[in-house]
N, C-alpha and C. Protein backbone atom coordinates (compact mmCIF):
# COMPACT_ATOMS: atom_id res chain seq x y z
N MET A 1 16.61 12.52 -5.63
CA MET A 1 14.65 12.33 -6.84
C MET A 1 13.90 11.95 -7.59
N PRO A 2 13.46 11.01 -7.23
CA PRO A 2 12.00 10.34 -8.56
C PRO A 2 11.77 11.25 -9.29
N ILE A 3 12.19 11.01 -10.70
CA ILE A 3 12.20 10.92 -11.63
C ILE A 3 11.10 10.46 -13.06
N PHE A 4 10.26 10.73 -13.28
CA PHE A 4 9.62 10.09 -14.03
C PHE A 4 9.29 10.47 -15.60
N LEU A 5 10.15 9.51 -15.90
CA LEU A 5 10.08 9.69 -18.48
C LEU A 5 9.45 8.99 -18.15
N GLN A 6 8.64 8.31 -19.24
CA GLN A 6 7.97 7.82 -19.95
C GLN A 6 7.95 6.46 -19.74
N ASP A 7 8.50 5.72 -19.93
CA ASP A 7 8.38 4.70 -19.12
C ASP A 7 9.04 3.75 -18.23
N GLU A 8 9.76 4.93 -17.44
CA GLU A 8 10.58 4.74 -16.72
C GLU A 8 10.81 5.34 -15.24
N LYS A 9 10.94 5.25 -14.02
CA LYS A 9 10.98 6.42 -13.32
C LYS A 9 12.31 6.36 -12.85
N ARG A 10 13.64 7.15 -12.32
CA ARG A 10 15.21 7.22 -11.90
C ARG A 10 15.19 7.95 -10.80
N MET A 11 15.88 6.89 -10.00
CA MET A 11 16.66 8.13 -9.46
C MET A 11 17.76 8.99 -9.43
N VAL A 12 17.47 10.68 -9.19
CA VAL A 12 18.45 10.70 -9.78
C VAL A 12 19.01 12.29 -8.82
N THR A 13 20.67 13.03 -8.47
CA THR A 13 21.21 13.08 -7.07
C THR A 13 20.98 15.15 -7.71
N VAL A 14 19.88 15.82 -6.72
CA VAL A 14 19.64 17.21 -7.16
C VAL A 14 20.62 18.02 -6.02
N GLU A 15 20.57 19.10 -6.52
CA GLU A 15 21.01 20.44 -5.66
C GLU A 15 19.36 21.29 -5.69
N VAL A 16 19.93 21.73 -4.35
CA VAL A 16 18.97 22.28 -4.19
C VAL A 16 19.10 23.96 -4.29
N GLN A 17 19.05 24.87 -4.56
CA GLN A 17 19.74 26.20 -4.75
C GLN A 17 18.56 27.22 -3.76
N LEU A 18 18.39 26.32 -2.48
CA LEU A 18 17.45 27.17 -1.60
C LEU A 18 18.26 28.46 -1.24
N ARG A 19 19.76 29.10 -1.39
CA ARG A 19 20.37 30.27 -0.93
C ARG A 19 19.43 31.47 -2.83
N THR A 20 19.41 30.66 -3.72
CA THR A 20 18.70 31.44 -4.61
C THR A 20 17.68 31.62 -4.33
N ILE A 21 16.85 30.46 -4.40
CA ILE A 21 15.62 30.77 -3.95
C ILE A 21 15.05 32.32 -2.94
N ALA A 22 16.01 31.98 -2.28
CA ALA A 22 15.57 33.21 -0.72
C ALA A 22 15.91 33.92 -0.97
N MET A 23 16.69 34.19 -2.48
CA MET A 23 17.64 35.44 -3.30
C MET A 23 16.17 35.98 -3.14
N ASP A 24 15.62 35.54 -4.55
CA ASP A 24 14.60 35.59 -5.15
C ASP A 24 13.18 36.23 -4.91
N PHE A 25 12.95 35.38 -3.83
CA PHE A 25 11.68 35.78 -3.08
C PHE A 25 12.40 37.12 -2.23
N TRP A 26 13.23 37.33 -1.72
CA TRP A 26 13.88 38.42 -1.03
C TRP A 26 13.83 39.75 -2.02
N ALA A 27 14.29 39.91 -3.33
CA ALA A 27 14.11 40.92 -4.26
C ALA A 27 12.70 41.01 -4.89
N SER A 28 12.05 39.65 -5.00
CA SER A 28 10.74 40.28 -4.99
C SER A 28 9.88 41.43 -3.79
N LEU A 29 9.98 40.86 -3.05
CA LEU A 29 9.04 41.34 -2.01
C LEU A 29 10.39 42.60 -1.39
N GLU A 30 10.71 43.10 -1.49
CA GLU A 30 11.50 44.49 -2.31
C GLU A 30 10.92 45.95 -2.92
N HIS A 31 11.11 44.86 -3.52
CA HIS A 31 10.34 45.85 -5.07
C HIS A 31 8.59 46.10 -4.62
N LYS A 32 7.94 45.32 -3.74
CA LYS A 32 6.78 45.18 -3.80
C LYS A 32 6.68 46.70 -2.64
N ILE A 33 7.95 46.40 -1.82
CA ILE A 33 7.94 47.81 -1.12
C ILE A 33 8.27 48.57 -1.51
N ARG A 34 9.06 48.93 -1.95
CA ARG A 34 9.41 50.05 -2.77
C ARG A 34 8.70 50.48 -3.75
N TYR A 35 7.83 49.97 -4.34
CA TYR A 35 7.68 50.37 -5.88
C TYR A 35 5.97 50.41 -5.35
N LYS A 36 5.43 49.57 -4.50
CA LYS A 36 3.85 50.11 -5.07
C LYS A 36 3.52 50.84 -4.19
N LYS A 37 2.31 51.55 -4.33
CA LYS A 37 2.13 52.59 -4.24
C LYS A 37 0.70 52.60 -2.62
N ASN A 38 0.76 51.33 -2.54
CA ASN A 38 -1.14 51.00 -2.05
C ASN A 38 -0.48 51.18 -0.63
N ILE A 39 1.33 50.89 -0.41
CA ILE A 39 1.35 50.24 0.79
C ILE A 39 1.60 51.57 1.24
N PRO A 40 0.67 51.89 2.58
CA PRO A 40 0.95 52.98 3.66
C PRO A 40 2.35 53.03 4.14
N GLU A 41 2.87 53.98 4.54
CA GLU A 41 3.92 55.17 4.50
C GLU A 41 4.18 54.29 5.83
N ASP A 42 3.58 54.22 6.94
CA ASP A 42 4.00 53.31 8.46
C ASP A 42 4.02 51.73 8.13
N LYS A 43 3.38 50.89 7.70
CA LYS A 43 3.47 50.64 6.44
C LYS A 43 4.63 49.73 6.15
N ALA A 44 5.26 51.07 5.19
CA ALA A 44 6.12 50.12 4.11
C ALA A 44 7.39 50.29 5.09
N LEU A 45 7.56 51.07 6.57
CA LEU A 45 8.60 51.58 7.06
C LEU A 45 8.61 50.47 8.19
N TYR A 46 7.79 49.53 8.77
CA TYR A 46 7.48 48.90 9.70
C TYR A 46 8.28 47.39 8.69
N LEU A 47 7.54 47.57 7.22
CA LEU A 47 7.73 46.27 6.27
C LEU A 47 9.82 46.12 5.92
N GLN A 48 10.31 47.69 6.52
CA GLN A 48 11.73 47.93 5.49
C GLN A 48 12.56 47.39 6.85
N ASN A 49 12.02 47.62 7.86
CA ASN A 49 12.68 48.09 9.34
C ASN A 49 13.02 45.85 9.35
N GLU A 50 11.68 44.97 8.55
CA GLU A 50 11.97 43.64 9.61
C GLU A 50 12.61 43.38 8.54
N MET A 51 12.64 43.32 6.42
CA MET A 51 13.56 43.55 6.19
C MET A 51 15.45 44.08 6.28
N LEU A 52 15.59 44.86 7.12
CA LEU A 52 16.54 45.12 8.23
C LEU A 52 17.05 43.97 8.76
N GLU A 53 16.13 43.59 9.70
CA GLU A 53 15.85 42.87 10.41
C GLU A 53 16.34 41.11 9.80
N CYS A 54 15.46 40.58 9.26
CA CYS A 54 15.61 39.30 8.35
C CYS A 54 17.59 39.44 7.69
N ALA A 55 17.60 40.96 6.34
CA ALA A 55 19.63 40.39 6.53
C ALA A 55 20.50 40.31 7.62
N GLU A 56 20.52 40.70 8.87
CA GLU A 56 21.24 40.78 9.84
C GLU A 56 21.25 38.91 10.46
N ILE A 57 19.66 38.82 10.33
CA ILE A 57 20.00 36.92 10.17
C ILE A 57 19.93 36.11 9.63
N SER A 58 20.66 36.70 8.88
CA SER A 58 20.94 35.74 6.70
C SER A 58 22.30 36.08 7.00
N ALA A 59 22.80 36.99 7.23
CA ALA A 59 24.20 37.61 7.23
C ALA A 59 24.84 36.54 9.10
N ASP A 60 24.07 37.09 9.44
CA ASP A 60 24.55 35.46 10.59
C ASP A 60 25.02 34.53 10.61
N LEU A 61 23.89 34.09 9.43
CA LEU A 61 23.35 32.61 9.28
C LEU A 61 24.63 32.06 8.36
N ASP A 62 24.67 32.95 7.45
CA ASP A 62 26.21 32.67 6.01
C ASP A 62 26.97 32.48 7.37
N ARG A 63 27.66 33.43 8.11
CA ARG A 63 27.97 33.03 8.71
C ARG A 63 28.92 31.96 10.20
N ARG A 64 28.38 31.94 10.57
CA ARG A 64 28.00 30.55 11.54
C ARG A 64 28.21 28.95 10.43
N MET A 65 27.19 29.06 9.10
CA MET A 65 27.51 28.54 8.39
C MET A 65 28.63 27.88 7.93
N GLN A 66 29.78 29.14 7.22
CA GLN A 66 30.76 28.86 6.73
C GLN A 66 31.77 28.87 8.00
N ASN A 67 31.46 29.03 9.16
CA ASN A 67 32.12 28.88 10.41
C ASN A 67 32.57 27.37 10.57
N VAL A 68 31.17 26.45 10.33
CA VAL A 68 30.71 24.87 10.55
C VAL A 68 31.98 24.02 9.50
N ARG A 69 31.39 24.15 8.44
CA ARG A 69 32.54 24.94 6.80
C ARG A 69 33.96 24.20 7.22
N ASP A 70 34.54 25.62 8.12
CA ASP A 70 35.54 25.47 8.05
C ASP A 70 35.98 25.17 8.82
N VAL A 71 35.08 24.68 10.03
CA VAL A 71 35.49 23.42 11.09
C VAL A 71 36.03 22.07 10.35
N ILE A 72 34.92 21.49 9.50
CA ILE A 72 34.13 20.39 9.29
C ILE A 72 35.80 20.47 7.94
N SER A 73 36.37 21.39 7.31
CA SER A 73 37.34 21.11 6.06
C SER A 73 38.77 20.93 7.05
N LYS A 74 38.42 21.56 8.39
CA LYS A 74 40.04 21.65 9.38
C LYS A 74 39.90 20.39 10.03
N ASN A 75 39.13 19.31 9.66
CA ASN A 75 39.21 18.26 10.90
C ASN A 75 39.17 16.88 10.12
N VAL A 76 38.51 16.75 8.94
CA VAL A 76 38.22 15.59 7.95
C VAL A 76 39.15 15.16 7.00
N PRO A 77 39.90 14.43 7.85
CA PRO A 77 40.98 13.73 5.99
C PRO A 77 40.52 14.32 4.75
N LYS A 78 41.16 14.74 4.44
CA LYS A 78 41.46 14.62 2.68
C LYS A 78 40.62 14.44 1.76
N GLU A 79 40.83 12.89 2.15
CA GLU A 79 40.63 12.06 1.27
C GLU A 79 39.15 11.50 2.27
N GLU A 80 38.68 11.74 2.69
CA GLU A 80 37.12 11.44 2.83
C GLU A 80 35.91 12.85 3.12
N LYS A 81 36.65 14.09 2.59
CA LYS A 81 36.45 15.54 2.28
C LYS A 81 35.40 15.06 0.80
N ILE A 82 33.42 15.29 1.13
CA ILE A 82 32.56 15.37 -0.01
C ILE A 82 33.27 17.34 -0.40
N PRO A 83 32.99 17.25 -1.71
CA PRO A 83 34.05 18.17 -2.50
C PRO A 83 32.55 18.97 -1.98
N PHE A 84 33.00 20.43 -1.58
CA PHE A 84 31.55 21.87 -2.02
C PHE A 84 31.97 22.53 -3.51
N LEU A 85 30.85 23.02 -3.68
CA LEU A 85 30.00 23.49 -4.89
C LEU A 85 31.87 23.99 -5.40
N GLY A 86 31.92 25.07 -4.52
CA GLY A 86 32.98 26.00 -4.75
C GLY A 86 34.61 25.15 -5.37
N GLU A 87 34.65 23.87 -4.67
CA GLU A 87 35.86 23.37 -4.66
C GLU A 87 35.87 22.30 -5.80
N LEU A 88 33.93 22.81 -6.86
CA LEU A 88 33.93 22.13 -7.81
C LEU A 88 34.45 22.06 -8.82
N ILE A 89 33.95 23.28 -9.02
CA ILE A 89 34.37 24.27 -10.41
C ILE A 89 36.01 24.57 -10.22
């Protein structure tokens, strides 16, 4: 990603925390549904059900992505592997 400094542009490798951003967004929505009193009860129930369905989809995605990672880990020679974040720590 290009980083613009005072007198130069430098390319820098970045890590985008999609899961963290999504979890923050999730918490914000859930707070609005639970604690904002201007949402009619029927709409709040609908939104809670939507959030539950999204949670199930998200959990399924986590399982599937973990499976992809496991297949890669088992089939790529160690010297060719790119470490996952958890393996760097």
